Amino acid sequence: MTSLCTFALIAVFADTIVAATAQVQQDFHPKLAHTQQEFSFVVNASFDETFPLFGAYEERKWAVGFDPRFVFPASPHDQQGMVFTTLQEGLPRVWTNTCFDFATGHVQYVYWIADVMVAFIDIRVTNFAARQTRIKVVYERTALRAEANEQVLAMAQADANNGPHWAEMINGHLQKTAAK
């Protein structure tokens, strides 16, 4: 058998092994849910007033039930790299902030729920009009096991409808603050 024929036989054999391995992996690892939802809304305040509200420390002021426990920094404040935990819907979450950039209006978080999901949240804060700021939020969620698929899909559906709720909470907070 020539080396060219041997190479061709090995290539066919390798393709068969790769295809069989992929099928076995599919059989043992069912498709895990991955979702992406986005929403936008307008806040009735300047960029300078609005941007800080998307840091975990400041978010406590407007997000009902959001109670971060800071791991880093030791003296809680909003900064890129902050790490904190929350207990939401009875599930402990570990969060990290991957971007907190006032200059670009970009905020980003990743959180993990053990054996359930990993979530990525990307927030863009931009000037919209005089004393108005536009917020765009993108949630991506990935199930970590098939049993979590339904929960990931339900959370994604809720994400899609969060714009009006967030706008109401933030604008309500800003109105109370301005009245003081």
N, C-alpha and C. Protein backbone atom coordinates (compact mmCIF):
# COMPACT_ATOMS: atom_id res chain seq x y z
N MET A 1 0.85 -1.16 0.00
CA MET A 1 0.00 0.00 0.00
C MET A 1 0.90 1.23 0.00
N THR A 2 0.62 2.16 -0.88
CA THR A 2 1.44 3.37 -0.96
C THR A 2 1.11 4.29 0.22
N SER A 3 2.01 5.21 0.46
CA SER A 3 1.79 6.13 1.59
C SER A 3 0.58 7.02 1.34
N LEU A 4 0.29 7.37 0.07
CA LEU A 4 -0.88 8.17 -0.25
C LEU A 4 -2.15 7.41 0.09
N CYS A 5 -2.20 6.12 -0.24
CA CYS A 5 -3.36 5.30 0.08
C CYS A 5 -3.50 5.13 1.59
N THR A 6 -2.39 4.94 2.28
CA THR A 6 -2.41 4.80 3.73
C THR A 6 -2.95 6.07 4.37
N PHE A 7 -2.49 7.22 3.85
CA PHE A 7 -2.94 8.50 4.38
C PHE A 7 -4.44 8.66 4.16
N ALA A 8 -4.93 8.29 2.96
CA ALA A 8 -6.36 8.40 2.65
C ALA A 8 -7.17 7.49 3.58
N LEU A 9 -6.69 6.28 3.83
CA LEU A 9 -7.38 5.35 4.71
C LEU A 9 -7.43 5.90 6.14
N ILE A 10 -6.32 6.45 6.59
CA ILE A 10 -6.28 7.05 7.94
C ILE A 10 -7.24 8.22 8.02
N ALA A 11 -7.30 9.05 6.97
CA ALA A 11 -8.19 10.21 6.97
C ALA A 11 -9.65 9.76 7.05
N VAL A 12 -10.04 8.73 6.29
CA VAL A 12 -11.41 8.22 6.33
C VAL A 12 -11.70 7.65 7.71
N PHE A 13 -10.76 6.90 8.27
CA PHE A 13 -10.92 6.31 9.60
C PHE A 13 -11.06 7.42 10.65
N ALA A 14 -10.26 8.46 10.55
CA ALA A 14 -10.31 9.58 11.50
C ALA A 14 -11.66 10.28 11.42
N ASP A 15 -12.16 10.50 10.19
CA ASP A 15 -13.48 11.12 10.03
C ASP A 15 -14.57 10.29 10.69
N THR A 16 -14.49 8.98 10.56
CA THR A 16 -15.47 8.08 11.17
C THR A 16 -15.41 8.19 12.69
N ILE A 17 -14.20 8.22 13.25
CA ILE A 17 -14.04 8.33 14.70
C ILE A 17 -14.58 9.68 15.20
N VAL A 18 -14.26 10.76 14.49
CA VAL A 18 -14.73 12.09 14.89
C VAL A 18 -16.26 12.13 14.85
N ALA A 19 -16.87 11.61 13.80
CA ALA A 19 -18.33 11.61 13.69
C ALA A 19 -18.96 10.77 14.80
N ALA A 20 -18.39 9.61 15.08
CA ALA A 20 -18.92 8.74 16.14
C ALA A 20 -18.77 9.40 17.50
N THR A 21 -17.63 10.06 17.75
CA THR A 21 -17.40 10.75 19.01
C THR A 21 -18.39 11.89 19.18
N ALA A 22 -18.65 12.65 18.12
CA ALA A 22 -19.61 13.75 18.19
C ALA A 22 -21.00 13.22 18.53
N GLN A 23 -21.38 12.08 17.93
CA GLN A 23 -22.69 11.51 18.22
C GLN A 23 -22.76 11.04 19.67
N VAL A 24 -21.73 10.41 20.18
CA VAL A 24 -21.71 9.95 21.57
C VAL A 24 -21.81 11.16 22.50
N GLN A 25 -21.05 12.24 22.21
CA GLN A 25 -21.12 13.44 23.05
C GLN A 25 -22.52 14.03 23.02
N GLN A 26 -23.17 14.05 21.86
CA GLN A 26 -24.52 14.57 21.76
C GLN A 26 -25.48 13.70 22.57
N ASP A 27 -25.28 12.38 22.55
CA ASP A 27 -26.14 11.48 23.31
C ASP A 27 -25.99 11.70 24.81
N PHE A 28 -24.77 11.94 25.29
CA PHE A 28 -24.52 12.09 26.71
C PHE A 28 -24.66 13.54 27.20
N HIS A 29 -24.56 14.50 26.31
CA HIS A 29 -24.65 15.92 26.66
C HIS A 29 -25.73 16.57 25.81
N PRO A 30 -26.98 16.52 26.28
CA PRO A 30 -28.05 17.12 25.50
C PRO A 30 -27.84 18.61 25.32
N LYS A 31 -28.49 19.16 24.35
CA LYS A 31 -28.35 20.59 24.04
C LYS A 31 -28.71 21.43 25.26
N LEU A 32 -27.81 22.34 25.60
CA LEU A 32 -28.03 23.24 26.71
C LEU A 32 -28.54 24.58 26.18
N ALA A 33 -29.50 25.14 26.87
CA ALA A 33 -30.12 26.39 26.43
C ALA A 33 -29.11 27.54 26.50
N HIS A 34 -29.14 28.37 25.48
CA HIS A 34 -28.38 29.62 25.45
C HIS A 34 -29.33 30.67 24.89
N THR A 35 -29.50 31.74 25.64
CA THR A 35 -30.45 32.78 25.22
C THR A 35 -29.76 34.13 25.15
N GLN A 36 -30.34 35.00 24.36
CA GLN A 36 -29.90 36.39 24.30
C GLN A 36 -31.15 37.25 24.16
N GLN A 37 -31.31 38.18 25.08
CA GLN A 37 -32.44 39.10 25.06
C GLN A 37 -31.91 40.50 25.29
N GLU A 38 -32.55 41.47 24.69
CA GLU A 38 -32.15 42.86 24.95
C GLU A 38 -33.38 43.73 25.11
N PHE A 39 -33.18 44.81 25.85
CA PHE A 39 -34.23 45.80 26.00
C PHE A 39 -33.57 47.17 26.16
N SER A 40 -34.33 48.19 25.85
CA SER A 40 -33.86 49.57 25.96
C SER A 40 -34.94 50.41 26.64
N PHE A 41 -34.50 51.48 27.26
CA PHE A 41 -35.42 52.41 27.88
C PHE A 41 -34.72 53.74 28.07
N VAL A 42 -35.48 54.75 28.45
CA VAL A 42 -34.94 56.09 28.65
C VAL A 42 -35.13 56.47 30.11
N VAL A 43 -34.09 57.08 30.67
CA VAL A 43 -34.11 57.57 32.04
C VAL A 43 -34.18 59.10 31.98
N ASN A 44 -35.00 59.68 32.82
CA ASN A 44 -35.18 61.14 32.84
C ASN A 44 -34.15 61.79 33.75
N ALA A 45 -32.89 61.69 33.36
CA ALA A 45 -31.78 62.30 34.09
C ALA A 45 -30.58 62.35 33.16
N SER A 46 -29.61 63.15 33.53
CA SER A 46 -28.40 63.26 32.71
C SER A 46 -27.57 61.98 32.78
N PHE A 47 -26.68 61.86 31.84
CA PHE A 47 -25.74 60.73 31.82
C PHE A 47 -24.99 60.66 33.15
N ASP A 48 -24.49 61.81 33.62
CA ASP A 48 -23.69 61.85 34.85
C ASP A 48 -24.46 61.33 36.06
N GLU A 49 -25.75 61.57 36.10
CA GLU A 49 -26.58 61.08 37.20
C GLU A 49 -26.94 59.60 37.02
N THR A 50 -27.09 59.20 35.78
CA THR A 50 -27.59 57.86 35.48
C THR A 50 -26.53 56.78 35.52
N PHE A 51 -25.37 57.03 34.90
CA PHE A 51 -24.35 55.98 34.79
C PHE A 51 -24.04 55.29 36.12
N PRO A 52 -23.77 56.03 37.20
CA PRO A 52 -23.40 55.36 38.45
C PRO A 52 -24.44 54.37 38.97
N LEU A 53 -25.71 54.54 38.58
CA LEU A 53 -26.77 53.67 39.07
C LEU A 53 -26.65 52.23 38.57
N PHE A 54 -25.74 51.97 37.65
CA PHE A 54 -25.55 50.62 37.12
C PHE A 54 -24.36 49.90 37.75
N GLY A 55 -23.77 50.52 38.76
CA GLY A 55 -22.80 49.82 39.59
C GLY A 55 -23.58 49.09 40.68
N ALA A 56 -23.10 47.96 41.11
CA ALA A 56 -23.82 47.14 42.10
C ALA A 56 -24.10 47.89 43.39
N TYR A 57 -23.16 48.69 43.84
CA TYR A 57 -23.34 49.43 45.09
C TYR A 57 -24.47 50.45 44.96
N GLU A 58 -24.49 51.19 43.87
CA GLU A 58 -25.54 52.20 43.65
C GLU A 58 -26.87 51.57 43.22
N GLU A 59 -26.82 50.42 42.56
CA GLU A 59 -28.05 49.77 42.11
C GLU A 59 -28.97 49.42 43.28
N ARG A 60 -28.38 49.20 44.44
CA ARG A 60 -29.19 48.88 45.64
C ARG A 60 -30.23 49.96 45.92
N LYS A 61 -29.95 51.18 45.46
CA LYS A 61 -30.84 52.31 45.74
C LYS A 61 -32.15 52.24 44.95
N TRP A 62 -32.15 51.57 43.80
CA TRP A 62 -33.35 51.55 42.96
C TRP A 62 -33.89 50.16 42.68
N ALA A 63 -33.06 49.13 42.77
CA ALA A 63 -33.49 47.77 42.42
C ALA A 63 -34.02 47.05 43.67
N VAL A 64 -35.31 46.93 43.75
CA VAL A 64 -35.95 46.30 44.91
C VAL A 64 -35.43 44.88 45.09
N GLY A 65 -34.95 44.57 46.29
CA GLY A 65 -34.48 43.23 46.60
C GLY A 65 -33.04 42.93 46.21
N PHE A 66 -32.38 43.87 45.54
CA PHE A 66 -30.98 43.65 45.14
C PHE A 66 -30.09 44.05 46.30
N ASP A 67 -29.41 43.06 46.89
CA ASP A 67 -28.61 43.29 48.09
C ASP A 67 -27.24 42.62 47.96
N PRO A 68 -26.34 43.24 47.21
CA PRO A 68 -25.02 42.62 47.01
C PRO A 68 -24.18 42.59 48.29
N ARG A 69 -23.47 41.50 48.48
CA ARG A 69 -22.51 41.34 49.57
C ARG A 69 -21.13 41.35 48.93
N PHE A 70 -20.39 42.42 49.15
CA PHE A 70 -19.12 42.61 48.46
C PHE A 70 -18.02 41.72 49.02
N VAL A 71 -17.31 41.07 48.10
CA VAL A 71 -16.12 40.29 48.40
C VAL A 71 -14.90 41.17 48.12
N PHE A 72 -14.95 41.88 47.00
CA PHE A 72 -13.91 42.82 46.60
C PHE A 72 -14.56 43.99 45.88
N PRO A 73 -14.23 45.19 46.16
CA PRO A 73 -13.23 45.65 47.13
C PRO A 73 -13.76 45.52 48.57
N ALA A 74 -12.82 45.51 49.51
CA ALA A 74 -13.17 45.33 50.92
C ALA A 74 -14.09 46.44 51.41
N SER A 75 -13.85 47.65 50.98
CA SER A 75 -14.73 48.77 51.28
C SER A 75 -15.64 48.93 50.06
N PRO A 76 -16.90 48.49 50.16
CA PRO A 76 -17.78 48.42 48.99
C PRO A 76 -17.91 49.75 48.23
N HIS A 77 -17.60 49.69 46.97
CA HIS A 77 -17.87 50.78 46.03
C HIS A 77 -17.80 50.19 44.62
N ASP A 78 -18.32 50.94 43.67
CA ASP A 78 -18.40 50.45 42.30
C ASP A 78 -17.10 50.69 41.55
N GLN A 79 -16.58 49.62 40.97
CA GLN A 79 -15.38 49.70 40.15
C GLN A 79 -15.28 48.44 39.29
N GLN A 80 -14.54 48.55 38.22
CA GLN A 80 -14.29 47.37 37.40
C GLN A 80 -13.55 46.35 38.26
N GLY A 81 -13.94 45.09 38.13
CA GLY A 81 -13.30 44.02 38.87
C GLY A 81 -13.97 43.70 40.20
N MET A 82 -15.00 44.48 40.58
CA MET A 82 -15.68 44.16 41.84
C MET A 82 -16.26 42.75 41.78
N VAL A 83 -16.26 42.09 42.93
CA VAL A 83 -16.81 40.74 43.07
C VAL A 83 -17.78 40.79 44.24
N PHE A 84 -18.97 40.23 44.04
CA PHE A 84 -19.96 40.23 45.11
C PHE A 84 -20.90 39.04 44.93
N THR A 85 -21.68 38.79 45.94
CA THR A 85 -22.66 37.71 45.89
C THR A 85 -24.04 38.29 46.15
N THR A 86 -25.05 37.59 45.64
CA THR A 86 -26.44 37.94 45.93
C THR A 86 -27.23 36.65 46.15
N LEU A 87 -28.37 36.80 46.76
CA LEU A 87 -29.33 35.71 46.88
C LEU A 87 -30.61 36.23 46.24
N GLN A 88 -30.93 35.72 45.05
CA GLN A 88 -32.11 36.16 44.31
C GLN A 88 -32.91 34.94 43.90
N GLU A 89 -34.22 35.03 44.05
CA GLU A 89 -35.11 33.90 43.76
C GLU A 89 -34.65 32.64 44.46
N GLY A 90 -34.08 32.80 45.66
CA GLY A 90 -33.62 31.66 46.44
C GLY A 90 -32.33 31.03 45.94
N LEU A 91 -31.69 31.63 44.95
CA LEU A 91 -30.47 31.07 44.37
C LEU A 91 -29.27 31.97 44.63
N PRO A 92 -28.21 31.43 45.25
CA PRO A 92 -27.00 32.23 45.45
C PRO A 92 -26.27 32.43 44.11
N ARG A 93 -25.84 33.67 43.89
CA ARG A 93 -25.13 34.02 42.65
C ARG A 93 -23.79 34.64 43.01
N VAL A 94 -22.78 34.34 42.20
CA VAL A 94 -21.47 34.97 42.34
C VAL A 94 -21.29 35.86 41.12
N TRP A 95 -21.03 37.14 41.36
CA TRP A 95 -20.94 38.16 40.31
C TRP A 95 -19.53 38.70 40.22
N THR A 96 -19.16 39.11 39.02
CA THR A 96 -17.97 39.94 38.83
C THR A 96 -18.29 40.99 37.78
N ASN A 97 -17.73 42.17 37.99
CA ASN A 97 -17.91 43.25 37.04
C ASN A 97 -16.70 43.24 36.11
N THR A 98 -16.95 43.09 34.82
CA THR A 98 -15.85 43.01 33.85
C THR A 98 -15.59 44.34 33.16
N CYS A 99 -16.51 45.30 33.29
CA CYS A 99 -16.31 46.63 32.71
C CYS A 99 -17.17 47.63 33.46
N PHE A 100 -16.55 48.71 33.89
CA PHE A 100 -17.27 49.81 34.52
C PHE A 100 -16.57 51.09 34.06
N ASP A 101 -16.92 51.53 32.84
CA ASP A 101 -16.19 52.59 32.16
C ASP A 101 -17.09 53.81 31.94
N PHE A 102 -16.94 54.79 32.81
CA PHE A 102 -17.73 56.02 32.74
C PHE A 102 -17.51 56.73 31.40
N ALA A 103 -16.28 56.76 30.91
CA ALA A 103 -15.95 57.49 29.68
C ALA A 103 -16.74 56.99 28.47
N THR A 104 -16.97 55.68 28.40
CA THR A 104 -17.69 55.11 27.26
C THR A 104 -19.14 54.73 27.60
N GLY A 105 -19.51 54.82 28.87
CA GLY A 105 -20.87 54.44 29.27
C GLY A 105 -21.12 52.95 29.21
N HIS A 106 -20.06 52.18 29.44
CA HIS A 106 -20.16 50.73 29.30
C HIS A 106 -20.02 50.03 30.65
N VAL A 107 -20.99 49.18 30.95
CA VAL A 107 -20.99 48.39 32.18
C VAL A 107 -21.24 46.94 31.79
N GLN A 108 -20.51 46.02 32.42
CA GLN A 108 -20.66 44.61 32.07
C GLN A 108 -20.50 43.76 33.33
N TYR A 109 -21.34 42.73 33.43
CA TYR A 109 -21.26 41.78 34.53
C TYR A 109 -21.33 40.36 34.00
N VAL A 110 -20.76 39.45 34.76
CA VAL A 110 -20.95 38.02 34.56
C VAL A 110 -21.33 37.47 35.93
N TYR A 111 -22.36 36.64 35.96
CA TYR A 111 -22.65 35.95 37.22
C TYR A 111 -22.88 34.47 36.97
N TRP A 112 -22.69 33.71 38.04
CA TRP A 112 -22.74 32.25 37.98
C TRP A 112 -23.66 31.76 39.07
N ILE A 113 -24.55 30.84 38.71
CA ILE A 113 -25.39 30.13 39.67
C ILE A 113 -24.96 28.67 39.57
N ALA A 114 -24.41 28.12 40.63
CA ALA A 114 -23.86 26.76 40.63
C ALA A 114 -24.85 25.75 40.06
N ASP A 115 -24.38 24.96 39.12
CA ASP A 115 -25.15 23.88 38.50
C ASP A 115 -26.40 24.35 37.77
N VAL A 116 -26.53 25.66 37.54
CA VAL A 116 -27.72 26.16 36.86
C VAL A 116 -27.33 26.91 35.59
N MET A 117 -26.61 28.05 35.74
CA MET A 117 -26.33 28.86 34.56
C MET A 117 -25.18 29.81 34.79
N VAL A 118 -24.72 30.36 33.68
CA VAL A 118 -23.82 31.51 33.66
C VAL A 118 -24.56 32.58 32.88
N ALA A 119 -24.53 33.81 33.40
CA ALA A 119 -25.21 34.92 32.73
C ALA A 119 -24.22 36.04 32.47
N PHE A 120 -24.40 36.69 31.36
CA PHE A 120 -23.57 37.82 30.92
C PHE A 120 -24.53 38.98 30.70
N ILE A 121 -24.22 40.14 31.32
CA ILE A 121 -25.08 41.31 31.18
C ILE A 121 -24.23 42.46 30.65
N ASP A 122 -24.65 43.02 29.53
CA ASP A 122 -23.93 44.13 28.89
C ASP A 122 -24.86 45.34 28.89
N ILE A 123 -24.39 46.45 29.47
CA ILE A 123 -25.21 47.65 29.61
C ILE A 123 -24.49 48.81 28.92
N ARG A 124 -25.23 49.52 28.06
CA ARG A 124 -24.70 50.71 27.38
C ARG A 124 -25.54 51.91 27.79
N VAL A 125 -24.87 52.92 28.34
CA VAL A 125 -25.52 54.13 28.81
C VAL A 125 -25.08 55.26 27.89
N THR A 126 -26.04 55.95 27.24
CA THR A 126 -25.68 57.02 26.29
C THR A 126 -26.60 58.22 26.47
N ASN A 127 -26.04 59.40 26.18
CA ASN A 127 -26.86 60.61 26.16
C ASN A 127 -27.94 60.44 25.12
N PHE A 128 -29.15 60.88 25.44
CA PHE A 128 -30.27 60.75 24.51
C PHE A 128 -30.81 62.12 24.12
N ALA A 129 -31.15 62.91 25.10
CA ALA A 129 -31.67 64.26 24.87
C ALA A 129 -31.34 65.07 26.12
N ALA A 130 -31.74 66.32 26.11
CA ALA A 130 -31.50 67.15 27.29
C ALA A 130 -32.12 66.47 28.51
N ARG A 131 -31.29 66.18 29.51
CA ARG A 131 -31.74 65.53 30.76
C ARG A 131 -32.41 64.18 30.53
N GLN A 132 -31.99 63.48 29.49
CA GLN A 132 -32.46 62.11 29.27
C GLN A 132 -31.28 61.24 28.84
N THR A 133 -31.31 60.01 29.30
CA THR A 133 -30.23 59.05 29.00
C THR A 133 -30.87 57.76 28.52
N ARG A 134 -30.30 57.20 27.45
CA ARG A 134 -30.80 55.94 26.89
C ARG A 134 -29.96 54.80 27.47
N ILE A 135 -30.67 53.73 27.83
CA ILE A 135 -30.03 52.54 28.38
C ILE A 135 -30.36 51.36 27.47
N LYS A 136 -29.33 50.61 27.09
CA LYS A 136 -29.53 49.37 26.33
C LYS A 136 -28.91 48.25 27.16
N VAL A 137 -29.70 47.22 27.41
CA VAL A 137 -29.25 46.09 28.23
C VAL A 137 -29.37 44.81 27.41
N VAL A 138 -28.31 44.02 27.39
CA VAL A 138 -28.32 42.71 26.73
C VAL A 138 -27.98 41.65 27.77
N TYR A 139 -28.86 40.67 27.88
CA TYR A 139 -28.65 39.52 28.75
C TYR A 139 -28.35 38.30 27.88
N GLU A 140 -27.31 37.57 28.21
CA GLU A 140 -27.05 36.25 27.62
C GLU A 140 -26.99 35.26 28.77
N ARG A 141 -27.69 34.17 28.62
CA ARG A 141 -27.70 33.14 29.66
C ARG A 141 -27.41 31.79 29.02
N THR A 142 -26.63 30.97 29.72
CA THR A 142 -26.30 29.63 29.25
C THR A 142 -26.53 28.64 30.38
N ALA A 143 -27.35 27.63 30.11
CA ALA A 143 -27.60 26.57 31.09
C ALA A 143 -26.34 25.74 31.27
N LEU A 144 -26.12 25.27 32.48
CA LEU A 144 -24.97 24.41 32.76
C LEU A 144 -25.33 22.93 32.78
N ARG A 145 -26.62 22.65 32.75
CA ARG A 145 -27.09 21.26 32.65
C ARG A 145 -28.50 21.29 32.06
N ALA A 146 -28.90 20.22 31.45
CA ALA A 146 -30.18 20.18 30.75
C ALA A 146 -31.36 20.48 31.66
N GLU A 147 -31.26 20.10 32.92
CA GLU A 147 -32.35 20.34 33.86
C GLU A 147 -32.58 21.84 34.10
N ALA A 148 -31.61 22.66 33.75
CA ALA A 148 -31.73 24.12 33.94
C ALA A 148 -32.26 24.82 32.69
N ASN A 149 -32.41 24.10 31.59
CA ASN A 149 -32.87 24.73 30.34
C ASN A 149 -34.16 25.52 30.52
N GLU A 150 -35.13 24.92 31.17
CA GLU A 150 -36.43 25.57 31.34
C GLU A 150 -36.29 26.87 32.15
N GLN A 151 -35.47 26.83 33.18
CA GLN A 151 -35.26 28.02 34.01
C GLN A 151 -34.57 29.13 33.21
N VAL A 152 -33.58 28.77 32.41
CA VAL A 152 -32.88 29.74 31.57
C VAL A 152 -33.86 30.37 30.58
N LEU A 153 -34.68 29.56 29.95
CA LEU A 153 -35.66 30.08 28.99
C LEU A 153 -36.69 31.00 29.66
N ALA A 154 -37.12 30.63 30.86
CA ALA A 154 -38.09 31.48 31.58
C ALA A 154 -37.45 32.81 31.97
N MET A 155 -36.21 32.79 32.42
CA MET A 155 -35.53 34.03 32.79
C MET A 155 -35.33 34.91 31.56
N ALA A 156 -35.02 34.30 30.43
CA ALA A 156 -34.84 35.08 29.19
C ALA A 156 -36.14 35.74 28.78
N GLN A 157 -37.24 35.04 28.94
CA GLN A 157 -38.53 35.63 28.60
C GLN A 157 -38.82 36.82 29.50
N ALA A 158 -38.49 36.70 30.78
CA ALA A 158 -38.67 37.82 31.71
C ALA A 158 -37.74 38.98 31.34
N ASP A 159 -36.51 38.66 30.93
CA ASP A 159 -35.55 39.70 30.53
C ASP A 159 -36.13 40.58 29.44
N ALA A 160 -36.79 39.97 28.49
CA ALA A 160 -37.31 40.70 27.33
C ALA A 160 -38.32 41.78 27.73
N ASN A 161 -38.94 41.61 28.89
CA ASN A 161 -39.98 42.54 29.34
C ASN A 161 -39.53 43.48 30.46
N ASN A 162 -38.22 43.51 30.75
CA ASN A 162 -37.72 44.27 31.89
C ASN A 162 -37.56 45.77 31.65
N GLY A 163 -37.51 46.22 30.42
CA GLY A 163 -37.27 47.63 30.14
C GLY A 163 -38.20 48.57 30.88
N PRO A 164 -39.52 48.42 30.74
CA PRO A 164 -40.44 49.32 31.44
C PRO A 164 -40.28 49.25 32.97
N HIS A 165 -40.04 48.06 33.49
CA HIS A 165 -39.88 47.89 34.94
C HIS A 165 -38.63 48.62 35.45
N TRP A 166 -37.50 48.43 34.76
CA TRP A 166 -36.27 49.11 35.15
C TRP A 166 -36.45 50.63 35.04
N ALA A 167 -37.07 51.09 33.95
CA ALA A 167 -37.28 52.53 33.76
C ALA A 167 -38.12 53.09 34.90
N GLU A 168 -39.16 52.39 35.29
CA GLU A 168 -40.02 52.84 36.38
C GLU A 168 -39.25 52.91 37.70
N MET A 169 -38.48 51.88 38.00
CA MET A 169 -37.72 51.88 39.26
C MET A 169 -36.67 52.98 39.30
N ILE A 170 -35.91 53.14 38.21
CA ILE A 170 -34.85 54.15 38.18
C ILE A 170 -35.44 55.55 38.19
N ASN A 171 -36.42 55.80 37.34
CA ASN A 171 -37.04 57.13 37.30
C ASN A 171 -37.72 57.46 38.63
N GLY A 172 -38.33 56.48 39.27
CA GLY A 172 -38.93 56.69 40.59
C GLY A 172 -37.87 57.06 41.63
N HIS A 173 -36.76 56.36 41.60
CA HIS A 173 -35.66 56.67 42.52
C HIS A 173 -35.14 58.08 42.28
N LEU A 174 -34.96 58.45 41.02
CA LEU A 174 -34.44 59.78 40.69
C LEU A 174 -35.42 60.88 41.11
N GLN A 175 -36.71 60.64 40.98
CA GLN A 175 -37.72 61.62 41.41
C GLN A 175 -37.67 61.82 42.92
N LYS A 176 -37.55 60.71 43.67
CA LYS A 176 -37.46 60.80 45.14
C LYS A 176 -36.20 61.54 45.55
N THR A 177 -35.09 61.28 44.89
CA THR A 177 -33.82 61.93 45.19
C THR A 177 -33.89 63.42 44.91
N ALA A 178 -34.51 63.79 43.80
CA ALA A 178 -34.63 65.20 43.43
C ALA A 178 -35.55 65.96 44.37
N ALA A 179 -36.54 65.27 44.94
CA ALA A 179 -37.50 65.91 45.84
C ALA A 179 -36.88 66.22 47.20
N LYS A 180 -35.78 65.59 47.54
CA LYS A 180 -35.15 65.79 48.85
C LYS A 180 -34.38 67.07 48.92
